[in-house]
């Protein structure tokens, strides 16, 4: 019993047998946004023209455009986030390495100036 539950959890949900929606970043949100976009586009076109087949075509086009737009937007934001995380990790690593040395970037260089008249 426990082995079957674990196997079903590891399998995930595959869309069209290709895309594993649970494991692919941004896939679930993109599919949900695409579904909403298709319903909105198809219904609006149907209410405007009362043409059923063309409304389906517009709805399908709305699904494709909304899904791809949402997918690329999410992937670009994830890439930016990964770059920011890499920069922060490198900064933390440098802080640990250089802390307490003369190369410490948090230390402000002080000029050795005489304190009084000589």
N, C-alpha and C. Protein backbone atom coordinates (compact mmCIF):
# COMPACT_ATOMS: atom_id res chain seq x y z
N UNK A 1 0.81 -1.20 0.00
CA UNK A 1 0.00 0.00 0.00
C UNK A 1 0.85 1.26 0.00
N UNK A 2 1.83 1.32 0.91
CA UNK A 2 2.66 2.53 1.02
C UNK A 2 3.49 2.73 -0.24
N UNK A 3 3.94 1.64 -0.85
CA UNK A 3 4.73 1.74 -2.08
C UNK A 3 3.91 2.29 -3.23
N UNK A 4 2.63 1.93 -3.30
CA UNK A 4 1.76 2.44 -4.36
C UNK A 4 1.51 3.94 -4.19
N UNK A 5 1.31 4.38 -2.95
CA UNK A 5 1.09 5.81 -2.70
C UNK A 5 2.32 6.61 -3.07
N UNK A 6 3.50 6.11 -2.72
CA UNK A 6 4.73 6.83 -3.04
C UNK A 6 4.97 6.85 -4.55
N UNK A 7 4.65 5.75 -5.23
CA UNK A 7 4.83 5.71 -6.68
C UNK A 7 3.89 6.68 -7.38
N UNK A 8 2.66 6.79 -6.89
CA UNK A 8 1.71 7.72 -7.52
C UNK A 8 2.11 9.16 -7.25
N UNK A 9 2.72 9.44 -6.08
CA UNK A 9 3.19 10.80 -5.79
C UNK A 9 4.39 11.16 -6.66
N UNK A 10 5.27 10.20 -6.89
CA UNK A 10 6.46 10.47 -7.70
C UNK A 10 6.14 10.61 -9.18
N UNK A 11 5.05 9.98 -9.63
CA UNK A 11 4.69 10.01 -11.04
C UNK A 11 4.27 11.41 -11.47
N UNK A 12 3.47 12.09 -10.68
CA UNK A 12 3.03 13.44 -11.02
C UNK A 12 1.94 13.43 -12.07
N UNK A 13 1.55 14.61 -12.48
CA UNK A 13 0.50 14.78 -13.51
C UNK A 13 1.18 15.21 -14.79
N UNK A 14 1.01 14.42 -15.85
CA UNK A 14 1.64 14.72 -17.13
C UNK A 14 0.57 15.21 -18.10
N UNK A 15 0.80 16.39 -18.65
CA UNK A 15 -0.12 16.99 -19.60
C UNK A 15 0.25 16.50 -20.99
N UNK A 16 -0.68 15.84 -21.67
CA UNK A 16 -0.47 15.26 -22.99
C UNK A 16 0.67 14.24 -23.00
N UNK A 17 1.00 13.70 -21.83
CA UNK A 17 2.06 12.71 -21.74
C UNK A 17 3.45 13.29 -21.90
N UNK A 18 3.58 14.60 -21.99
CA UNK A 18 4.87 15.24 -22.25
C UNK A 18 5.33 16.06 -21.07
N UNK A 19 4.51 16.99 -20.64
CA UNK A 19 4.88 17.99 -19.65
C UNK A 19 4.44 17.57 -18.26
N UNK A 20 5.40 17.37 -17.35
CA UNK A 20 5.08 17.05 -15.96
C UNK A 20 4.76 18.36 -15.25
N UNK A 21 3.49 18.59 -15.04
CA UNK A 21 3.02 19.89 -14.53
C UNK A 21 3.49 20.13 -13.11
N UNK A 22 3.58 19.10 -12.28
CA UNK A 22 3.96 19.29 -10.89
C UNK A 22 5.44 19.61 -10.73
N UNK A 23 6.28 19.09 -11.59
CA UNK A 23 7.72 19.27 -11.43
C UNK A 23 8.31 20.37 -12.29
N UNK A 24 7.63 20.81 -13.30
CA UNK A 24 8.16 21.85 -14.19
C UNK A 24 7.81 23.21 -13.61
N UNK A 25 8.82 24.07 -13.39
CA UNK A 25 8.53 25.39 -12.84
C UNK A 25 7.62 26.19 -13.78
N UNK A 26 6.67 26.87 -13.23
CA UNK A 26 5.76 27.77 -13.93
C UNK A 26 4.69 27.05 -14.76
N UNK A 27 4.74 25.75 -14.90
CA UNK A 27 3.80 25.05 -15.78
C UNK A 27 2.37 25.13 -15.25
N UNK A 28 2.20 24.88 -13.97
CA UNK A 28 0.84 24.88 -13.41
C UNK A 28 0.19 26.24 -13.54
N UNK A 29 0.90 27.29 -13.15
CA UNK A 29 0.34 28.64 -13.25
C UNK A 29 0.05 29.02 -14.70
N UNK A 30 0.95 28.65 -15.60
CA UNK A 30 0.74 29.00 -17.01
C UNK A 30 -0.50 28.30 -17.56
N UNK A 31 -0.71 27.03 -17.22
CA UNK A 31 -1.88 26.29 -17.71
C UNK A 31 -3.16 26.91 -17.14
N UNK A 32 -3.13 27.27 -15.85
CA UNK A 32 -4.32 27.87 -15.24
C UNK A 32 -4.62 29.24 -15.84
N UNK A 33 -3.60 30.04 -16.06
CA UNK A 33 -3.82 31.34 -16.70
C UNK A 33 -4.34 31.16 -18.12
N UNK A 34 -3.81 30.17 -18.83
CA UNK A 34 -4.27 29.90 -20.19
C UNK A 34 -5.73 29.47 -20.23
N UNK A 35 -6.14 28.67 -19.26
CA UNK A 35 -7.55 28.24 -19.21
C UNK A 35 -8.45 29.45 -18.99
N UNK A 36 -8.06 30.32 -18.09
CA UNK A 36 -8.86 31.54 -17.86
C UNK A 36 -8.89 32.43 -19.08
N UNK A 37 -7.74 32.56 -19.74
CA UNK A 37 -7.68 33.38 -20.96
C UNK A 37 -8.53 32.82 -22.08
N UNK A 38 -8.57 31.50 -22.19
CA UNK A 38 -9.36 30.89 -23.26
C UNK A 38 -10.86 31.09 -23.01
N UNK A 39 -11.27 30.91 -21.76
CA UNK A 39 -12.69 31.10 -21.44
C UNK A 39 -13.09 32.56 -21.69
N UNK A 40 -12.26 33.48 -21.22
CA UNK A 40 -12.59 34.90 -21.40
C UNK A 40 -12.64 35.28 -22.87
N UNK A 41 -11.63 34.88 -23.65
CA UNK A 41 -11.60 35.25 -25.07
C UNK A 41 -12.75 34.61 -25.83
N UNK A 42 -13.00 33.32 -25.59
CA UNK A 42 -14.08 32.63 -26.29
C UNK A 42 -15.46 33.18 -25.96
N UNK A 43 -15.69 33.44 -24.69
CA UNK A 43 -17.00 33.97 -24.28
C UNK A 43 -17.22 35.38 -24.82
N UNK A 44 -16.20 36.22 -24.73
CA UNK A 44 -16.36 37.58 -25.24
C UNK A 44 -16.62 37.58 -26.74
N UNK A 45 -15.89 36.73 -27.47
CA UNK A 45 -16.11 36.67 -28.92
C UNK A 45 -17.50 36.13 -29.23
N UNK A 46 -17.94 35.11 -28.47
CA UNK A 46 -19.27 34.55 -28.70
C UNK A 46 -20.35 35.58 -28.40
N UNK A 47 -20.20 36.31 -27.30
CA UNK A 47 -21.20 37.32 -26.96
C UNK A 47 -21.24 38.44 -27.99
N UNK A 48 -20.10 38.71 -28.61
CA UNK A 48 -20.05 39.79 -29.61
C UNK A 48 -20.60 39.34 -30.96
N UNK A 49 -20.36 38.06 -31.35
CA UNK A 49 -20.69 37.64 -32.72
C UNK A 49 -21.71 36.51 -32.82
N UNK A 50 -21.88 35.72 -31.76
CA UNK A 50 -22.77 34.54 -31.74
C UNK A 50 -22.33 33.47 -32.74
N UNK A 51 -21.06 33.41 -33.05
CA UNK A 51 -20.52 32.36 -33.94
C UNK A 51 -19.78 31.35 -33.08
N UNK A 52 -20.33 30.12 -33.00
CA UNK A 52 -19.82 29.12 -32.08
C UNK A 52 -18.44 28.62 -32.50
N UNK A 53 -18.28 28.18 -33.75
CA UNK A 53 -17.00 27.61 -34.16
C UNK A 53 -15.88 28.64 -34.09
N UNK A 54 -16.14 29.83 -34.54
CA UNK A 54 -15.11 30.88 -34.49
C UNK A 54 -14.79 31.25 -33.05
N UNK A 55 -15.79 31.17 -32.16
CA UNK A 55 -15.55 31.45 -30.74
C UNK A 55 -14.62 30.41 -30.14
N UNK A 56 -14.80 29.14 -30.55
CA UNK A 56 -13.89 28.10 -30.10
C UNK A 56 -12.47 28.37 -30.58
N UNK A 57 -12.34 28.77 -31.85
CA UNK A 57 -11.02 29.08 -32.40
C UNK A 57 -10.36 30.24 -31.65
N UNK A 58 -11.14 31.27 -31.36
CA UNK A 58 -10.61 32.42 -30.62
C UNK A 58 -10.24 31.99 -29.19
N UNK A 59 -11.06 31.14 -28.59
CA UNK A 59 -10.75 30.63 -27.25
C UNK A 59 -9.48 29.82 -27.24
N UNK A 60 -9.28 28.98 -28.25
CA UNK A 60 -8.05 28.18 -28.33
C UNK A 60 -6.84 29.08 -28.53
N UNK A 61 -6.97 30.08 -29.38
CA UNK A 61 -5.88 31.03 -29.59
C UNK A 61 -5.60 31.80 -28.29
N UNK A 62 -6.66 32.15 -27.57
CA UNK A 62 -6.48 32.82 -26.28
C UNK A 62 -5.74 31.94 -25.29
N UNK A 63 -6.06 30.63 -25.30
CA UNK A 63 -5.36 29.70 -24.42
C UNK A 63 -3.87 29.65 -24.76
N UNK A 64 -3.56 29.51 -26.04
CA UNK A 64 -2.16 29.41 -26.45
C UNK A 64 -1.39 30.68 -26.11
N UNK A 65 -1.95 31.83 -26.45
CA UNK A 65 -1.25 33.09 -26.20
C UNK A 65 -1.08 33.37 -24.71
N UNK A 66 -2.14 33.15 -23.94
CA UNK A 66 -2.07 33.42 -22.51
C UNK A 66 -1.11 32.44 -21.82
N UNK A 67 -1.15 31.18 -22.21
CA UNK A 67 -0.26 30.18 -21.61
C UNK A 67 1.20 30.52 -21.91
N UNK A 68 1.50 30.78 -23.17
CA UNK A 68 2.89 31.09 -23.54
C UNK A 68 3.36 32.40 -22.91
N UNK A 69 2.49 33.40 -22.89
CA UNK A 69 2.86 34.67 -22.27
C UNK A 69 3.14 34.51 -20.78
N UNK A 70 2.28 33.79 -20.09
CA UNK A 70 2.45 33.56 -18.66
C UNK A 70 3.69 32.71 -18.40
N UNK A 71 3.94 31.72 -19.24
CA UNK A 71 5.11 30.84 -19.09
C UNK A 71 6.40 31.64 -19.21
N UNK A 72 6.51 32.44 -20.28
CA UNK A 72 7.75 33.20 -20.49
C UNK A 72 7.94 34.27 -19.42
N UNK A 73 6.88 34.92 -19.00
CA UNK A 73 6.97 35.93 -17.95
C UNK A 73 7.49 35.30 -16.65
N UNK A 74 6.94 34.15 -16.30
CA UNK A 74 7.34 33.46 -15.07
C UNK A 74 8.79 32.98 -15.18
N UNK A 75 9.17 32.42 -16.33
CA UNK A 75 10.54 31.91 -16.49
C UNK A 75 11.57 33.04 -16.44
N UNK A 76 11.24 34.18 -17.02
CA UNK A 76 12.16 35.32 -16.99
C UNK A 76 12.31 35.81 -15.56
N UNK A 77 11.22 35.90 -14.81
CA UNK A 77 11.30 36.32 -13.41
C UNK A 77 12.09 35.32 -12.58
N UNK A 78 11.94 34.03 -12.84
CA UNK A 78 12.72 33.02 -12.12
C UNK A 78 14.20 33.14 -12.44
N UNK A 79 14.53 33.42 -13.69
CA UNK A 79 15.94 33.59 -14.06
C UNK A 79 16.54 34.81 -13.36
N UNK A 80 15.79 35.91 -13.30
CA UNK A 80 16.27 37.10 -12.59
C UNK A 80 16.48 36.79 -11.11
N UNK A 81 15.57 36.05 -10.52
CA UNK A 81 15.67 35.69 -9.12
C UNK A 81 16.90 34.82 -8.86
N UNK A 82 17.18 33.87 -9.76
CA UNK A 82 18.36 33.02 -9.60
C UNK A 82 19.65 33.83 -9.69
N UNK A 83 19.68 34.82 -10.59
CA UNK A 83 20.86 35.68 -10.71
C UNK A 83 21.05 36.48 -9.42
N UNK A 84 19.97 37.04 -8.89
CA UNK A 84 20.07 37.80 -7.63
C UNK A 84 20.54 36.91 -6.49
N UNK A 85 20.03 35.69 -6.42
CA UNK A 85 20.45 34.77 -5.36
C UNK A 85 21.93 34.43 -5.49
N UNK A 86 22.40 34.24 -6.72
CA UNK A 86 23.81 33.93 -6.95
C UNK A 86 24.70 35.09 -6.50
N UNK A 87 24.29 36.33 -6.80
CA UNK A 87 25.05 37.51 -6.39
C UNK A 87 25.09 37.62 -4.87
N UNK A 88 23.96 37.39 -4.23
CA UNK A 88 23.90 37.47 -2.76
C UNK A 88 24.76 36.37 -2.13
N UNK A 89 24.70 35.15 -2.67
CA UNK A 89 25.51 34.07 -2.13
C UNK A 89 27.00 34.37 -2.28
N UNK A 90 27.38 34.92 -3.41
CA UNK A 90 28.79 35.29 -3.62
C UNK A 90 29.21 36.37 -2.64
N UNK A 91 28.34 37.35 -2.39
CA UNK A 91 28.63 38.39 -1.42
C UNK A 91 28.79 37.85 -0.01
N UNK A 92 27.92 36.92 0.38
CA UNK A 92 28.02 36.31 1.71
C UNK A 92 29.31 35.50 1.81
N UNK A 93 29.63 34.76 0.75
CA UNK A 93 30.85 33.97 0.74
C UNK A 93 32.08 34.88 0.89
N UNK A 94 32.09 36.01 0.17
CA UNK A 94 33.21 36.94 0.26
C UNK A 94 33.28 37.58 1.65
N UNK A 95 32.14 37.88 2.24
CA UNK A 95 32.13 38.47 3.57
C UNK A 95 32.74 37.51 4.58
N UNK A 96 32.40 36.24 4.48
CA UNK A 96 32.94 35.24 5.40
C UNK A 96 34.45 35.09 5.20
N UNK A 97 34.89 35.10 3.95
CA UNK A 97 36.31 34.91 3.66
C UNK A 97 37.13 36.11 4.11
N UNK A 98 36.66 37.32 3.83
CA UNK A 98 37.47 38.51 4.07
C UNK A 98 37.20 39.21 5.40
N UNK A 99 36.26 38.70 6.19
CA UNK A 99 35.91 39.37 7.43
C UNK A 99 37.10 39.39 8.39
N UNK A 100 37.42 40.57 8.90
CA UNK A 100 38.51 40.71 9.85
C UNK A 100 39.87 40.90 9.21
N UNK A 101 39.95 40.92 7.90
CA UNK A 101 41.23 41.13 7.22
C UNK A 101 41.29 42.55 6.69
N UNK A 102 42.43 42.91 6.14
CA UNK A 102 42.56 44.25 5.56
C UNK A 102 41.75 44.38 4.28
N UNK A 103 41.37 43.26 3.70
CA UNK A 103 40.57 43.28 2.47
C UNK A 103 39.07 43.31 2.74
N UNK A 104 38.69 43.42 4.02
CA UNK A 104 37.28 43.43 4.40
C UNK A 104 36.57 44.62 3.75
N UNK A 105 35.56 44.36 2.88
CA UNK A 105 34.89 45.47 2.18
C UNK A 105 34.01 46.32 3.09
N UNK A 106 33.69 45.82 4.30
CA UNK A 106 32.85 46.61 5.20
C UNK A 106 33.65 47.62 6.00
N UNK A 107 34.97 47.43 6.06
CA UNK A 107 35.82 48.39 6.77
C UNK A 107 35.99 49.63 5.92
N UNK A 108 35.89 50.77 6.55
CA UNK A 108 36.13 52.01 5.84
C UNK A 108 37.61 52.35 5.98
N UNK A 109 38.27 52.61 4.87
CA UNK A 109 39.70 52.95 4.98
C UNK A 109 39.86 54.29 5.68
N UNK A 110 40.70 54.30 6.68
CA UNK A 110 40.94 55.54 7.41
C UNK A 110 42.34 56.04 7.07
N UNK A 111 42.43 57.31 6.81
CA UNK A 111 43.73 57.90 6.48
C UNK A 111 44.48 58.15 7.78
N UNK A 112 45.72 57.78 7.82
CA UNK A 112 46.57 58.01 8.98
C UNK A 112 46.99 59.46 9.00
N UNK A 113 46.24 60.26 9.69
CA UNK A 113 46.53 61.68 9.80
C UNK A 113 46.95 61.99 11.21
N UNK A 114 47.84 62.94 11.38
CA UNK A 114 48.26 63.29 12.74
C UNK A 114 47.08 63.86 13.52
N UNK A 115 47.00 63.53 14.80
CA UNK A 115 45.86 63.94 15.59
C UNK A 115 46.01 65.37 16.12
N UNK A 116 47.19 65.87 16.20
CA UNK A 116 47.36 67.21 16.74
C UNK A 116 48.52 67.92 16.05
N UNK A 117 48.78 69.14 16.48
CA UNK A 117 49.91 69.86 15.88
C UNK A 117 51.23 69.24 16.31
N UNK A 118 52.14 69.22 15.38
CA UNK A 118 53.44 68.68 15.73
C UNK A 118 54.57 69.62 15.51
